[in-house]
Amino acid sequence: MYAIIATGGKQYKVAVGDIIDVEKLDLAINDTVTFDVLLLGGEDGVKAGTPLVEGAKVEGKVLEHGKGKKIVIFKYKAKKGYRRKSGHRQPFTRIEITAFS
């Protein structure tokens, strides 16, 4: 059984036991979080919501918070001596999917 959930402006395909990195959530470690379900799939077929599947929820547990891999941003203009280098590390929350309900 799998589900499509939405959080942080993105959609994720999850199953029980999966570990996913989502946009940072303001929750403490070991807190539980509930997601709404956009699509629910299993052995008996697929059930799509309009926009959400009625009564379906996905529960997860917050494992940790962290920062992603650094992305380097480099700007320059040819023959002008203009160079700028900066970087960015996107914060994330790691969640383990525990149950469907």
Protein backbone atom coordinates (compact mmCIF):
# COMPACT_ATOMS: atom_id res chain seq x y z
CA MET A 1 0.00 0.00 0.00
CA TYR A 2 1.25 3.48 -0.83
CA ALA A 3 0.03 7.06 -0.64
CA ILE A 4 0.82 10.40 -2.24
CA ILE A 5 1.09 13.18 0.35
CA ALA A 6 1.76 16.90 0.00
CA THR A 7 3.90 19.04 2.29
CA GLY A 8 6.10 22.06 1.76
CA GLY A 9 4.79 22.62 -1.77
CA LYS A 10 5.97 19.19 -2.93
CA GLN A 11 4.38 15.77 -3.29
CA TYR A 12 5.88 12.51 -2.02
CA LYS A 13 5.06 8.85 -2.67
CA VAL A 14 5.31 7.04 0.67
CA ALA A 15 4.74 3.61 2.19
CA VAL A 16 4.89 2.46 5.82
CA GLY A 17 8.52 2.40 6.98
CA ASP A 18 9.80 4.92 4.43
CA ILE A 19 12.12 7.70 5.55
CA ILE A 20 11.72 10.99 3.66
CA ASP A 21 13.30 14.45 3.85
CA VAL A 22 10.71 17.25 3.66
CA GLU A 23 10.92 21.02 3.91
CA LYS A 24 11.67 22.05 7.49
CA LEU A 25 8.73 21.67 9.91
CA ASP A 26 8.57 23.42 13.30
CA LEU A 27 8.28 20.25 15.36
CA ALA A 28 10.47 18.66 18.02
CA ILE A 29 12.28 15.35 17.52
CA ASN A 30 10.02 12.31 18.21
CA ASP A 31 6.85 14.37 17.63
CA THR A 32 4.18 12.85 15.40
CA VAL A 33 2.97 14.62 12.29
CA THR A 34 -0.16 13.94 10.21
CA PHE A 35 -0.37 14.47 6.46
CA ASP A 36 -3.44 14.66 4.22
CA VAL A 37 -3.60 12.09 1.42
CA LEU A 38 -3.98 13.08 -2.25
CA LEU A 39 -3.98 9.55 -3.66
CA LEU A 40 -4.15 6.13 -2.03
CA GLY A 41 -3.04 2.98 -3.86
CA GLY A 42 -3.02 -0.67 -2.95
CA GLU A 43 -3.90 -4.18 -4.07
CA ASP A 44 -7.57 -3.26 -4.54
CA GLY A 45 -6.82 -0.35 -6.89
CA VAL A 46 -6.21 3.35 -6.70
CA LYS A 47 -8.37 5.90 -4.92
CA ALA A 48 -7.81 9.50 -5.98
CA GLY A 49 -9.03 12.46 -3.97
CA THR A 50 -10.70 15.64 -5.16
CA PRO A 51 -8.38 17.15 -3.91
CA LEU A 52 -8.02 14.95 -0.78
CA VAL A 53 -9.08 11.37 -0.08
CA GLU A 54 -11.88 11.49 2.51
CA GLY A 55 -10.88 10.16 5.92
CA ALA A 56 -7.39 9.07 4.89
CA LYS A 57 -4.37 10.23 6.88
CA VAL A 58 -0.67 9.36 6.95
CA GLU A 59 1.18 9.52 10.25
CA GLY A 60 4.91 9.99 10.67
CA LYS A 61 7.53 10.51 13.37
CA VAL A 62 10.16 13.26 13.26
CA LEU A 63 13.62 11.69 13.33
CA GLU A 64 15.92 14.71 12.95
CA HIS A 65 16.45 18.17 11.53
CA GLY A 66 19.40 19.06 9.34
CA LYS A 67 20.75 20.90 6.34
CA GLY A 68 21.11 19.54 2.82
CA LYS A 69 24.19 19.44 0.65
CA LYS A 70 25.68 22.84 -0.21
CA ILE A 71 24.72 24.38 -3.53
CA VAL A 72 27.30 26.83 -4.93
CA ILE A 73 26.04 29.99 -6.62
CA PHE A 74 28.61 31.77 -8.80
CA LYS A 75 27.88 34.95 -10.77
CA TYR A 76 30.26 36.75 -13.07
CA LYS A 77 30.31 39.18 -15.96
CA ALA A 78 32.89 38.68 -18.67
CA LYS A 79 35.64 41.31 -18.99
CA LYS A 80 34.27 43.43 -16.13
CA GLY A 81 36.00 41.93 -13.07
CA TYR A 82 32.65 41.12 -11.44
CA ARG A 83 32.65 37.84 -9.53
CA ARG A 84 30.41 36.72 -6.66
CA LYS A 85 30.46 33.31 -5.01
CA SER A 86 27.96 32.25 -2.38
CA GLY A 87 26.35 29.04 -1.20
CA HIS A 88 23.10 27.73 0.22
CA ARG A 89 22.15 24.75 2.39
CA GLN A 90 18.42 24.05 2.52
CA PRO A 91 17.08 23.02 5.96
CA PHE A 92 15.06 19.80 6.09
CA THR A 93 13.17 17.54 8.49
CA ARG A 94 13.66 13.76 8.25
CA ILE A 95 10.44 11.84 8.85
CA GLU A 96 9.70 8.12 9.18
CA ILE A 97 6.26 7.06 7.96
CA THR A 98 4.65 4.98 10.72
CA ALA A 99 1.02 4.31 9.77
CA PHE A 100 -1.89 4.88 7.40
CA SER A 101 -5.34 5.49 8.79
